[in-house]
Amino acid sequence: MESGRTVQLFLIRHGLTQWNAERRYLGHSDLPVSSGSLEEYIQLKTFLHEYSTANVYSSDLLRCRETAAFLFPHQPVTYDARLRELHFGEWEGRTYENLKHCSMYSSWLDNWESTGPPGGETGVSFQDRVSSFLKEFLAGKPDAAAIVTHGGVIRQIVSSFLNTPEFWHISAPFGKAVALRAEEREEGWTCISLSEEPAAGKELM
């Protein structure tokens, strides 16, 4: 294994949708961003332009495509379905209040990795899908990349580099990029810096 190699990632959550605002489960349902929501990304657009990363990847879902087009209007974008959010199946569009009395939902909350929503995807399947993208991406030996994706995917990517199970405690904000620098070591890839950008130096680790 080649050690000492580093990669800089900018992990960007898509613009806010109506279902996000209403706190509804949104996985593979293909909603657009809400009107005006991309205004929150203007400072991030300026930051990314100054950084000038050449490699841009995005989930193929509309809300990510719209966000990527806003942030990178003059750059080619590689769309990849492996960067989609967890598939919530029959629970797409539902809220916690809708589901809280359902025993299957309660079981899923306690063990989301090995169980899945009806017609949806287990956490393990989701993790394997995102890991497949990361493995292929890193094999290309990139120096840096921006990835426009979903909250769950950002948490999974960050947790994989942190080597931690603290999935739900990882921040995935709207209007910011989670800036992660990782280094390849003998034991594998590990995160060496983590912050939100643009920000007043908000360090996440």
N, C-alpha and C. Protein backbone atom coordinates (compact mmCIF):
# COMPACT_ATOMS: atom_id res chain seq x y z
N MET A 1 0.83 -1.20 0.00
CA MET A 1 0.00 0.00 0.00
C MET A 1 0.87 1.25 0.00
N GLU A 2 0.53 2.20 -0.87
CA GLU A 2 1.24 3.47 -0.91
C GLU A 2 0.80 4.32 0.28
N SER A 3 1.74 4.71 1.13
CA SER A 3 1.39 5.50 2.31
C SER A 3 1.84 6.93 2.13
N GLY A 4 1.21 7.84 2.87
CA GLY A 4 1.56 9.24 2.82
C GLY A 4 0.76 10.04 1.82
N ARG A 5 0.04 9.38 0.93
CA ARG A 5 -0.79 10.08 -0.05
C ARG A 5 -1.99 10.71 0.66
N THR A 6 -2.36 11.92 0.24
CA THR A 6 -3.51 12.60 0.85
C THR A 6 -4.55 12.94 -0.20
N VAL A 7 -5.77 13.15 0.25
CA VAL A 7 -6.85 13.59 -0.63
C VAL A 7 -7.71 14.59 0.14
N GLN A 8 -8.15 15.63 -0.55
CA GLN A 8 -9.03 16.65 0.03
C GLN A 8 -10.42 16.48 -0.56
N LEU A 9 -11.41 16.30 0.31
CA LEU A 9 -12.79 16.15 -0.13
C LEU A 9 -13.64 17.30 0.38
N PHE A 10 -14.53 17.80 -0.48
CA PHE A 10 -15.55 18.75 -0.07
C PHE A 10 -16.90 18.06 -0.26
N LEU A 11 -17.51 17.68 0.85
CA LEU A 11 -18.75 16.93 0.84
C LEU A 11 -19.91 17.91 1.02
N ILE A 12 -20.77 17.99 0.01
CA ILE A 12 -21.79 19.04 -0.04
C ILE A 12 -23.18 18.42 -0.07
N ARG A 13 -23.99 18.82 0.88
CA ARG A 13 -25.38 18.36 0.91
C ARG A 13 -26.21 19.21 -0.06
N HIS A 14 -27.10 18.56 -0.79
CA HIS A 14 -27.97 19.26 -1.74
C HIS A 14 -28.78 20.36 -1.06
N GLY A 15 -29.33 21.26 -1.87
CA GLY A 15 -30.18 22.32 -1.34
C GLY A 15 -31.46 21.77 -0.70
N LEU A 16 -32.01 22.55 0.17
CA LEU A 16 -33.21 22.16 0.93
C LEU A 16 -34.39 21.89 0.00
N THR A 17 -35.12 20.81 0.27
CA THR A 17 -36.35 20.51 -0.46
C THR A 17 -37.55 20.73 0.46
N GLN A 18 -38.73 20.67 -0.12
CA GLN A 18 -39.94 20.83 0.68
C GLN A 18 -40.05 19.72 1.73
N TRP A 19 -39.71 18.51 1.35
CA TRP A 19 -39.78 17.40 2.31
C TRP A 19 -38.76 17.56 3.43
N ASN A 20 -37.58 18.09 3.11
CA ASN A 20 -36.61 18.36 4.18
C ASN A 20 -37.20 19.35 5.17
N ALA A 21 -37.81 20.41 4.66
CA ALA A 21 -38.38 21.45 5.52
C ALA A 21 -39.50 20.88 6.37
N GLU A 22 -40.22 19.92 5.84
CA GLU A 22 -41.33 19.30 6.56
C GLU A 22 -40.89 18.08 7.37
N ARG A 23 -39.61 17.81 7.39
CA ARG A 23 -39.01 16.71 8.15
C ARG A 23 -39.62 15.35 7.74
N ARG A 24 -39.76 15.19 6.43
CA ARG A 24 -40.25 13.93 5.88
C ARG A 24 -39.06 13.09 5.40
N TYR A 25 -39.17 11.78 5.48
CA TYR A 25 -38.11 10.91 4.99
C TYR A 25 -37.99 11.06 3.48
N LEU A 26 -36.77 11.37 3.04
CA LEU A 26 -36.51 11.59 1.62
C LEU A 26 -35.27 10.82 1.23
N GLY A 27 -35.48 9.76 0.48
CA GLY A 27 -34.38 8.92 0.04
C GLY A 27 -34.23 8.96 -1.47
N HIS A 28 -34.85 8.00 -2.16
CA HIS A 28 -34.74 7.93 -3.61
C HIS A 28 -35.84 8.70 -4.33
N SER A 29 -36.82 9.24 -3.61
CA SER A 29 -37.84 10.10 -4.26
C SER A 29 -37.12 11.29 -4.89
N ASP A 30 -37.52 11.64 -6.11
CA ASP A 30 -36.72 12.59 -6.90
C ASP A 30 -37.33 13.99 -6.88
N LEU A 31 -37.18 14.67 -5.76
CA LEU A 31 -37.73 16.02 -5.60
C LEU A 31 -36.70 17.07 -5.99
N PRO A 32 -37.19 18.24 -6.47
CA PRO A 32 -36.27 19.36 -6.74
C PRO A 32 -35.97 20.11 -5.44
N VAL A 33 -34.97 20.99 -5.51
CA VAL A 33 -34.73 21.88 -4.38
C VAL A 33 -35.86 22.91 -4.32
N SER A 34 -36.10 23.45 -3.14
CA SER A 34 -37.14 24.46 -2.97
C SER A 34 -36.71 25.79 -3.59
N SER A 35 -37.67 26.57 -4.00
CA SER A 35 -37.40 27.87 -4.59
C SER A 35 -36.60 28.74 -3.62
N GLY A 36 -35.50 29.28 -4.08
CA GLY A 36 -34.69 30.17 -3.27
C GLY A 36 -33.70 29.49 -2.35
N SER A 37 -33.75 28.15 -2.26
CA SER A 37 -32.89 27.46 -1.29
C SER A 37 -31.41 27.53 -1.66
N LEU A 38 -31.12 27.68 -2.95
CA LEU A 38 -29.71 27.70 -3.36
C LEU A 38 -29.03 29.04 -3.07
N GLU A 39 -29.81 30.05 -2.68
CA GLU A 39 -29.20 31.32 -2.27
C GLU A 39 -28.29 31.11 -1.06
N GLU A 40 -28.62 30.11 -0.26
CA GLU A 40 -27.80 29.78 0.91
C GLU A 40 -26.41 29.27 0.51
N TYR A 41 -26.23 28.93 -0.77
CA TYR A 41 -24.98 28.34 -1.24
C TYR A 41 -24.07 29.34 -1.96
N ILE A 42 -24.44 30.62 -1.98
CA ILE A 42 -23.67 31.61 -2.72
C ILE A 42 -22.25 31.74 -2.17
N GLN A 43 -22.11 31.84 -0.85
CA GLN A 43 -20.78 31.94 -0.25
C GLN A 43 -19.96 30.67 -0.51
N LEU A 44 -20.61 29.52 -0.45
CA LEU A 44 -19.91 28.27 -0.72
C LEU A 44 -19.44 28.23 -2.17
N LYS A 45 -20.26 28.72 -3.09
CA LYS A 45 -19.88 28.76 -4.50
C LYS A 45 -18.61 29.58 -4.68
N THR A 46 -18.53 30.73 -4.02
CA THR A 46 -17.34 31.58 -4.11
C THR A 46 -16.13 30.86 -3.54
N PHE A 47 -16.31 30.22 -2.39
CA PHE A 47 -15.22 29.48 -1.76
C PHE A 47 -14.69 28.38 -2.67
N LEU A 48 -15.59 27.61 -3.26
CA LEU A 48 -15.17 26.49 -4.12
C LEU A 48 -14.50 26.99 -5.40
N HIS A 49 -14.96 28.13 -5.91
CA HIS A 49 -14.34 28.71 -7.09
C HIS A 49 -12.90 29.12 -6.79
N GLU A 50 -12.67 29.67 -5.61
CA GLU A 50 -11.32 30.07 -5.22
C GLU A 50 -10.43 28.86 -5.01
N TYR A 51 -11.01 27.76 -4.52
CA TYR A 51 -10.23 26.55 -4.30
C TYR A 51 -9.94 25.85 -5.62
N SER A 52 -10.90 25.92 -6.54
CA SER A 52 -10.73 25.40 -7.90
C SER A 52 -10.41 23.91 -7.94
N THR A 53 -11.31 23.08 -7.40
CA THR A 53 -11.15 21.64 -7.51
C THR A 53 -11.66 21.16 -8.87
N ALA A 54 -10.91 20.30 -9.52
CA ALA A 54 -11.25 19.89 -10.89
C ALA A 54 -12.24 18.73 -10.93
N ASN A 55 -12.26 17.88 -9.90
CA ASN A 55 -13.08 16.68 -9.91
C ASN A 55 -14.38 16.92 -9.15
N VAL A 56 -15.51 16.79 -9.85
CA VAL A 56 -16.82 17.00 -9.23
C VAL A 56 -17.67 15.77 -9.47
N TYR A 57 -18.21 15.23 -8.38
CA TYR A 57 -19.10 14.07 -8.44
C TYR A 57 -20.43 14.45 -7.81
N SER A 58 -21.49 13.77 -8.22
CA SER A 58 -22.81 14.07 -7.68
C SER A 58 -23.70 12.83 -7.72
N SER A 59 -24.59 12.77 -6.76
CA SER A 59 -25.71 11.84 -6.86
C SER A 59 -26.49 12.18 -8.13
N ASP A 60 -27.12 11.17 -8.72
CA ASP A 60 -27.88 11.40 -9.95
C ASP A 60 -29.28 11.94 -9.70
N LEU A 61 -29.68 12.11 -8.43
CA LEU A 61 -31.03 12.60 -8.14
C LEU A 61 -31.11 14.11 -8.37
N LEU A 62 -32.32 14.58 -8.74
CA LEU A 62 -32.53 15.94 -9.21
C LEU A 62 -32.04 17.01 -8.24
N ARG A 63 -32.30 16.84 -6.95
CA ARG A 63 -31.91 17.87 -5.98
C ARG A 63 -30.39 18.06 -5.94
N CYS A 64 -29.65 16.99 -6.17
CA CYS A 64 -28.19 17.09 -6.22
C CYS A 64 -27.72 17.64 -7.56
N ARG A 65 -28.36 17.24 -8.63
CA ARG A 65 -28.01 17.75 -9.95
C ARG A 65 -28.20 19.27 -10.00
N GLU A 66 -29.30 19.74 -9.42
CA GLU A 66 -29.57 21.18 -9.41
C GLU A 66 -28.52 21.92 -8.58
N THR A 67 -28.17 21.35 -7.44
CA THR A 67 -27.17 21.98 -6.57
C THR A 67 -25.80 21.99 -7.24
N ALA A 68 -25.43 20.89 -7.88
CA ALA A 68 -24.14 20.82 -8.57
C ALA A 68 -24.09 21.81 -9.73
N ALA A 69 -25.19 21.95 -10.46
CA ALA A 69 -25.23 22.89 -11.59
C ALA A 69 -25.07 24.33 -11.10
N PHE A 70 -25.62 24.63 -9.93
CA PHE A 70 -25.49 25.97 -9.37
C PHE A 70 -24.06 26.24 -8.91
N LEU A 71 -23.45 25.27 -8.25
CA LEU A 71 -22.12 25.46 -7.69
C LEU A 71 -21.01 25.37 -8.74
N PHE A 72 -21.23 24.54 -9.75
CA PHE A 72 -20.17 24.27 -10.75
C PHE A 72 -20.73 24.41 -12.17
N PRO A 73 -21.17 25.62 -12.54
CA PRO A 73 -21.85 25.80 -13.83
C PRO A 73 -20.96 25.55 -15.04
N HIS A 74 -19.65 25.65 -14.90
CA HIS A 74 -18.75 25.52 -16.04
C HIS A 74 -17.84 24.31 -15.95
N GLN A 75 -18.17 23.38 -15.04
CA GLN A 75 -17.33 22.20 -14.87
C GLN A 75 -18.12 20.93 -15.17
N PRO A 76 -17.47 19.93 -15.74
CA PRO A 76 -18.14 18.64 -15.94
C PRO A 76 -18.41 17.97 -14.60
N VAL A 77 -19.54 17.32 -14.49
CA VAL A 77 -19.93 16.63 -13.27
C VAL A 77 -20.16 15.16 -13.58
N THR A 78 -19.58 14.28 -12.78
CA THR A 78 -19.80 12.85 -12.92
C THR A 78 -20.92 12.43 -11.99
N TYR A 79 -22.02 11.93 -12.55
CA TYR A 79 -23.18 11.52 -11.75
C TYR A 79 -23.08 10.02 -11.45
N ASP A 80 -23.38 9.67 -10.21
CA ASP A 80 -23.22 8.28 -9.79
C ASP A 80 -24.36 7.92 -8.84
N ALA A 81 -25.13 6.89 -9.20
CA ALA A 81 -26.28 6.47 -8.38
C ALA A 81 -25.85 5.91 -7.03
N ARG A 82 -24.59 5.52 -6.89
CA ARG A 82 -24.12 5.02 -5.60
C ARG A 82 -24.07 6.11 -4.54
N LEU A 83 -24.16 7.36 -4.98
CA LEU A 83 -24.15 8.50 -4.05
C LEU A 83 -25.55 8.91 -3.61
N ARG A 84 -26.55 8.09 -3.93
CA ARG A 84 -27.92 8.37 -3.48
C ARG A 84 -28.07 8.16 -1.97
N GLU A 85 -29.08 8.83 -1.43
CA GLU A 85 -29.44 8.66 -0.02
C GLU A 85 -29.95 7.23 0.22
N LEU A 86 -30.01 6.84 1.48
CA LEU A 86 -30.64 5.57 1.85
C LEU A 86 -32.06 5.53 1.28
N HIS A 87 -32.46 4.39 0.76
CA HIS A 87 -33.80 4.22 0.20
C HIS A 87 -34.77 3.86 1.34
N PHE A 88 -35.74 4.75 1.57
CA PHE A 88 -36.68 4.55 2.68
C PHE A 88 -37.94 3.80 2.27
N GLY A 89 -38.01 3.32 1.05
CA GLY A 89 -39.11 2.46 0.63
C GLY A 89 -40.47 3.08 0.88
N GLU A 90 -41.35 2.31 1.54
CA GLU A 90 -42.72 2.76 1.79
C GLU A 90 -42.80 3.93 2.78
N TRP A 91 -41.69 4.22 3.43
CA TRP A 91 -41.68 5.33 4.38
C TRP A 91 -41.26 6.65 3.75
N GLU A 92 -40.97 6.65 2.46
CA GLU A 92 -40.65 7.90 1.77
C GLU A 92 -41.84 8.87 1.90
N GLY A 93 -41.55 10.09 2.29
CA GLY A 93 -42.59 11.10 2.43
C GLY A 93 -43.31 11.07 3.76
N ARG A 94 -42.99 10.08 4.59
CA ARG A 94 -43.63 10.00 5.91
C ARG A 94 -42.78 10.73 6.94
N THR A 95 -43.38 11.03 8.08
CA THR A 95 -42.69 11.71 9.17
C THR A 95 -42.61 10.81 10.40
N TYR A 96 -41.81 11.23 11.35
CA TYR A 96 -41.73 10.49 12.61
C TYR A 96 -43.10 10.37 13.25
N GLU A 97 -43.87 11.45 13.22
CA GLU A 97 -45.20 11.44 13.82
C GLU A 97 -46.10 10.42 13.13
N ASN A 98 -45.94 10.26 11.81
CA ASN A 98 -46.73 9.27 11.07
C ASN A 98 -46.39 7.84 11.48
N LEU A 99 -45.12 7.62 11.84
CA LEU A 99 -44.60 6.26 11.98
C LEU A 99 -44.31 5.82 13.41
N LYS A 100 -44.34 6.73 14.37
CA LYS A 100 -43.84 6.43 15.71
C LYS A 100 -44.58 5.31 16.42
N HIS A 101 -45.80 5.00 16.02
CA HIS A 101 -46.55 3.93 16.67
C HIS A 101 -46.43 2.59 15.92
N CYS A 102 -45.64 2.58 14.86
CA CYS A 102 -45.43 1.36 14.07
C CYS A 102 -44.29 0.55 14.67
N SER A 103 -44.54 -0.70 15.01
CA SER A 103 -43.52 -1.54 15.65
C SER A 103 -42.34 -1.79 14.73
N MET A 104 -42.60 -1.94 13.43
CA MET A 104 -41.52 -2.15 12.48
C MET A 104 -40.60 -0.93 12.43
N TYR A 105 -41.19 0.25 12.52
CA TYR A 105 -40.40 1.48 12.51
C TYR A 105 -39.55 1.58 13.77
N SER A 106 -40.12 1.25 14.90
CA SER A 106 -39.36 1.29 16.16
C SER A 106 -38.19 0.32 16.12
N SER A 107 -38.42 -0.86 15.54
CA SER A 107 -37.36 -1.85 15.41
C SER A 107 -36.26 -1.33 14.50
N TRP A 108 -36.65 -0.66 13.42
CA TRP A 108 -35.67 -0.11 12.49
C TRP A 108 -34.82 0.97 13.15
N LEU A 109 -35.44 1.83 13.94
CA LEU A 109 -34.68 2.87 14.63
C LEU A 109 -33.62 2.27 15.55
N ASP A 110 -33.94 1.14 16.16
CA ASP A 110 -32.99 0.49 17.08
C ASP A 110 -31.91 -0.30 16.35
N ASN A 111 -32.18 -0.69 15.12
CA ASN A 111 -31.24 -1.57 14.41
C ASN A 111 -31.29 -1.29 12.91
N TRP A 112 -31.02 -0.03 12.53
CA TRP A 112 -31.19 0.40 11.14
C TRP A 112 -30.19 -0.23 10.18
N GLU A 113 -29.06 -0.71 10.71
CA GLU A 113 -28.05 -1.27 9.81
C GLU A 113 -28.46 -2.63 9.24
N SER A 114 -29.08 -3.45 10.07
CA SER A 114 -29.41 -4.81 9.62
C SER A 114 -30.86 -4.97 9.17
N THR A 115 -31.69 -3.95 9.43
CA THR A 115 -33.08 -4.00 8.96
C THR A 115 -33.31 -2.83 8.02
N GLY A 116 -34.41 -2.89 7.29
CA GLY A 116 -34.71 -1.82 6.34
C GLY A 116 -36.19 -1.52 6.32
N PRO A 117 -36.58 -0.34 5.85
CA PRO A 117 -38.00 -0.03 5.68
C PRO A 117 -38.64 -0.98 4.66
N PRO A 118 -39.94 -1.21 4.73
CA PRO A 118 -40.59 -2.05 3.72
C PRO A 118 -40.33 -1.51 2.31
N GLY A 119 -39.78 -2.37 1.46
CA GLY A 119 -39.48 -1.95 0.11
C GLY A 119 -38.26 -1.06 0.00
N GLY A 120 -37.52 -0.89 1.10
CA GLY A 120 -36.37 0.00 1.13
C GLY A 120 -35.05 -0.75 1.21
N GLU A 121 -34.10 -0.14 1.87
CA GLU A 121 -32.72 -0.60 1.86
C GLU A 121 -32.19 -0.72 3.29
N THR A 122 -31.46 -1.77 3.57
CA THR A 122 -30.85 -1.89 4.89
C THR A 122 -29.64 -0.97 4.99
N GLY A 123 -29.26 -0.63 6.21
CA GLY A 123 -28.09 0.19 6.43
C GLY A 123 -26.83 -0.44 5.88
N VAL A 124 -26.69 -1.76 6.02
CA VAL A 124 -25.52 -2.46 5.53
C VAL A 124 -25.43 -2.35 4.01
N SER A 125 -26.56 -2.50 3.32
CA SER A 125 -26.58 -2.37 1.87
C SER A 125 -26.19 -0.95 1.45
N PHE A 126 -26.70 0.03 2.16
CA PHE A 126 -26.35 1.43 1.92
C PHE A 126 -24.85 1.66 2.11
N GLN A 127 -24.31 1.16 3.21
CA GLN A 127 -22.89 1.32 3.50
C GLN A 127 -22.03 0.67 2.42
N ASP A 128 -22.42 -0.52 1.98
CA ASP A 128 -21.66 -1.21 0.94
C ASP A 128 -21.68 -0.43 -0.37
N ARG A 129 -22.82 0.17 -0.67
CA ARG A 129 -22.95 0.96 -1.90
C ARG A 129 -22.03 2.18 -1.89
N VAL A 130 -22.03 2.91 -0.77
CA VAL A 130 -21.18 4.10 -0.65
C VAL A 130 -19.70 3.69 -0.63
N SER A 131 -19.39 2.59 0.05
CA SER A 131 -18.01 2.10 0.12
C SER A 131 -17.50 1.72 -1.26
N SER A 132 -18.39 1.17 -2.11
CA SER A 132 -18.01 0.81 -3.47
C SER A 132 -17.57 2.04 -4.25
N PHE A 133 -18.33 3.13 -4.10
CA PHE A 133 -17.93 4.38 -4.77
C PHE A 133 -16.58 4.86 -4.24
N LEU A 134 -16.42 4.89 -2.92
CA LEU A 134 -15.18 5.40 -2.33
C LEU A 134 -13.97 4.60 -2.78
N LYS A 135 -14.09 3.29 -2.78
CA LYS A 135 -12.97 2.42 -3.17
C LYS A 135 -12.54 2.72 -4.61
N GLU A 136 -13.52 2.82 -5.50
CA GLU A 136 -13.22 3.11 -6.90
C GLU A 136 -12.63 4.51 -7.06
N PHE A 137 -13.20 5.47 -6.33
CA PHE A 137 -12.71 6.85 -6.38
C PHE A 137 -11.25 6.95 -5.93
N LEU A 138 -10.94 6.36 -4.80
CA LEU A 138 -9.59 6.45 -4.24
C LEU A 138 -8.57 5.69 -5.09
N ALA A 139 -9.02 4.65 -5.77
CA ALA A 139 -8.12 3.89 -6.64
C ALA A 139 -7.61 4.73 -7.80
N GLY A 140 -8.37 5.80 -8.14
CA GLY A 140 -7.95 6.70 -9.21
C GLY A 140 -6.89 7.70 -8.79
N LYS A 141 -6.49 7.66 -7.52
CA LYS A 141 -5.45 8.51 -6.95
C LYS A 141 -5.70 10.01 -7.17
N PRO A 142 -6.90 10.49 -6.81
CA PRO A 142 -7.19 11.92 -6.96
C PRO A 142 -6.51 12.74 -5.86
N ASP A 143 -6.26 14.01 -6.15
CA ASP A 143 -5.73 14.92 -5.13
C ASP A 143 -6.86 15.57 -4.34
N ALA A 144 -7.98 15.85 -5.04
CA ALA A 144 -9.10 16.54 -4.40
C ALA A 144 -10.36 16.31 -5.22
N ALA A 145 -11.52 16.49 -4.57
CA ALA A 145 -12.79 16.36 -5.27
C ALA A 145 -13.89 17.02 -4.45
N ALA A 146 -14.90 17.49 -5.16
CA ALA A 146 -16.14 17.93 -4.52
C ALA A 146 -17.20 16.88 -4.82
N ILE A 147 -17.98 16.53 -3.80
CA ILE A 147 -19.02 15.51 -3.95
C ILE A 147 -20.34 16.09 -3.46
N VAL A 148 -21.28 16.26 -4.39
CA VAL A 148 -22.61 16.78 -4.05
C VAL A 148 -23.52 15.59 -3.83
N THR A 149 -24.03 15.47 -2.62
CA THR A 149 -24.75 14.24 -2.28
C THR A 149 -25.78 14.52 -1.18
N HIS A 150 -26.01 13.57 -0.31
CA HIS A 150 -27.09 13.61 0.66
C HIS A 150 -26.53 13.50 2.09
N GLY A 151 -27.35 13.86 3.05
CA GLY A 151 -26.90 13.85 4.44
C GLY A 151 -26.38 12.51 4.90
N GLY A 152 -27.09 11.45 4.58
CA GLY A 152 -26.67 10.12 5.00
C GLY A 152 -25.36 9.69 4.36
N VAL A 153 -25.18 10.04 3.09
CA VAL A 153 -23.94 9.68 2.39
C VAL A 153 -22.76 10.43 2.99
N ILE A 154 -22.95 11.71 3.29
CA ILE A 154 -21.88 12.49 3.92
C ILE A 154 -21.49 11.86 5.25
N ARG A 155 -22.47 11.50 6.06
CA ARG A 155 -22.18 10.87 7.35
C ARG A 155 -21.43 9.56 7.16
N GLN A 156 -21.82 8.80 6.17
CA GLN A 156 -21.16 7.50 5.93
C GLN A 156 -19.72 7.69 5.47
N ILE A 157 -19.49 8.64 4.56
CA ILE A 157 -18.13 8.88 4.08
C ILE A 157 -17.24 9.36 5.23
N VAL A 158 -17.73 10.32 6.01
CA VAL A 158 -16.93 10.84 7.12
C VAL A 158 -16.66 9.75 8.14
N SER A 159 -17.68 8.97 8.49
CA SER A 159 -17.48 7.92 9.50
C SER A 159 -16.50 6.86 9.01
N SER A 160 -16.46 6.61 7.71
CA SER A 160 -15.52 5.61 7.19
C SER A 160 -14.08 6.09 7.32
N PHE A 161 -13.84 7.39 7.17
CA PHE A 161 -12.48 7.92 7.32
C PHE A 161 -12.11 8.12 8.79
N LEU A 162 -13.12 8.34 9.63
CA LEU A 162 -12.86 8.49 11.07
C LEU A 162 -12.73 7.14 11.76
N ASN A 163 -13.15 6.08 11.05
CA ASN A 163 -13.16 4.73 11.64
C ASN A 163 -13.96 4.70 12.94
N THR A 164 -15.16 5.31 12.87
CA THR A 164 -16.00 5.42 14.06
C THR A 164 -17.43 5.03 13.70
N PRO A 165 -18.17 4.45 14.64
CA PRO A 165 -19.57 4.12 14.38
C PRO A 165 -20.52 5.28 14.66
N GLU A 166 -20.00 6.47 15.00
CA GLU A 166 -20.85 7.59 15.42
C GLU A 166 -21.52 8.25 14.21
N PHE A 167 -22.23 7.47 13.42
CA PHE A 167 -22.87 7.94 12.19
C PHE A 167 -23.80 9.12 12.44
N TRP A 168 -24.69 9.00 13.40
CA TRP A 168 -25.75 10.00 13.59
C TRP A 168 -25.25 11.28 14.22
N HIS A 169 -24.03 11.28 14.76
CA HIS A 169 -23.50 12.48 15.40
C HIS A 169 -22.66 13.33 14.46
N ILE A 170 -22.52 12.89 13.22
CA ILE A 170 -21.72 13.62 12.24
C ILE A 170 -22.59 14.69 11.57
N SER A 171 -22.07 15.91 11.49
CA SER A 171 -22.80 17.03 10.92
C SER A 171 -22.84 16.95 9.40
N ALA A 172 -24.02 17.27 8.82
CA ALA A 172 -24.17 17.34 7.36
C ALA A 172 -25.08 18.53 7.05
N PRO A 173 -24.54 19.74 7.17
CA PRO A 173 -25.38 20.95 7.08
C PRO A 173 -25.77 21.30 5.65
N PHE A 174 -26.85 22.07 5.52
CA PHE A 174 -27.20 22.68 4.24
C PHE A 174 -26.37 23.95 4.08
N GLY A 175 -25.99 24.26 2.85
CA GLY A 175 -25.32 25.51 2.56
C GLY A 175 -23.84 25.55 2.87
N LYS A 176 -23.28 24.46 3.36
CA LYS A 176 -21.86 24.38 3.70
C LYS A 176 -21.25 23.15 3.03
N ALA A 177 -19.94 23.09 3.06
CA ALA A 177 -19.24 21.87 2.66
C ALA A 177 -18.54 21.31 3.88
N VAL A 178 -18.62 20.01 4.04
CA VAL A 178 -17.79 19.34 5.04
C VAL A 178 -16.45 19.07 4.36
N ALA A 179 -15.43 19.79 4.83
CA ALA A 179 -14.09 19.67 4.23
C ALA A 179 -13.29 18.63 4.99
N LEU A 180 -12.95 17.56 4.32
CA LEU A 180 -12.26 16.44 4.95
C LEU A 180 -10.95 16.17 4.20
N ARG A 181 -9.87 16.15 4.95
CA ARG A 181 -8.58 15.74 4.36
C ARG A 181 -8.20 14.40 4.99
N ALA A 182 -7.87 13.45 4.13
CA ALA A 182 -7.52 12.10 4.60
C ALA A 182 -6.14 11.72 4.09
N GLU A 183 -5.49 10.87 4.87
CA GLU A 183 -4.15 10.39 4.52
C GLU A 183 -4.16 8.88 4.46
N GLU A 184 -3.46 8.33 3.47
CA GLU A 184 -3.33 6.88 3.35
C GLU A 184 -2.15 6.42 4.20
N ARG A 185 -2.44 5.54 5.15
CA ARG A 185 -1.40 5.01 6.04
C ARG A 185 -1.36 3.49 5.91
N GLU A 186 -0.44 2.89 6.62
CA GLU A 186 -0.30 1.43 6.55
C GLU A 186 -1.60 0.73 6.93
N GLU A 187 -2.32 1.29 7.90
CA GLU A 187 -3.56 0.66 8.36
C GLU A 187 -4.77 1.05 7.53
N GLY A 188 -4.56 1.91 6.52
CA GLY A 188 -5.66 2.34 5.67
C GLY A 188 -5.84 3.86 5.71
N TRP A 189 -6.90 4.33 5.07
CA TRP A 189 -7.16 5.77 5.02
C TRP A 189 -7.70 6.26 6.36
N THR A 190 -7.23 7.46 6.77
CA THR A 190 -7.72 8.04 8.01
C THR A 190 -7.84 9.55 7.87
N CYS A 191 -8.80 10.13 8.54
CA CYS A 191 -9.03 11.57 8.49
C CYS A 191 -7.97 12.30 9.30
N ILE A 192 -7.40 13.36 8.71
CA ILE A 192 -6.40 14.16 9.44
C ILE A 192 -6.89 15.59 9.71
N SER A 193 -7.97 16.00 9.03
CA SER A 193 -8.61 17.28 9.36
C SER A 193 -10.05 17.26 8.88
N LEU A 194 -10.91 17.98 9.62
CA LEU A 194 -12.34 17.99 9.33
C LEU A 194 -12.90 19.34 9.76
N SER A 195 -13.58 20.03 8.85
CA SER A 195 -14.15 21.34 9.17
C SER A 195 -15.34 21.62 8.27
N GLU A 196 -16.08 22.68 8.58
CA GLU A 196 -17.16 23.15 7.72
C GLU A 196 -16.69 24.40 7.01
N GLU A 197 -16.98 24.47 5.70
CA GLU A 197 -16.57 25.61 4.89
C GLU A 197 -17.75 26.11 4.03
N PRO A 198 -17.82 27.44 3.78
CA PRO A 198 -16.99 28.47 4.39
C PRO A 198 -17.47 28.73 5.82
N ALA A 199 -16.56 28.97 6.69
CA ALA A 199 -16.89 29.19 8.09
C ALA A 199 -15.77 29.96 8.77
N ALA A 200 -16.05 30.40 9.95
CA ALA A 200 -15.03 31.10 10.73
C ALA A 200 -14.19 30.06 11.44
N GLY A 201 -13.59 29.16 10.62
CA GLY A 201 -12.68 28.16 11.17
C GLY A 201 -13.33 27.16 12.09
N LYS A 202 -14.55 26.75 11.78
CA LYS A 202 -15.24 25.78 12.64
C LYS A 202 -14.64 24.40 12.43
N GLU A 203 -13.84 23.96 13.38
CA GLU A 203 -13.22 22.63 13.31
C GLU A 203 -14.19 21.59 13.88
N LEU A 204 -14.29 20.46 13.22
CA LEU A 204 -15.17 19.39 13.67
C LEU A 204 -14.40 18.30 14.39
N MET A 205 -13.09 18.41 14.42
CA MET A 205 -12.29 17.43 15.13
C MET A 205 -11.00 18.09 15.63
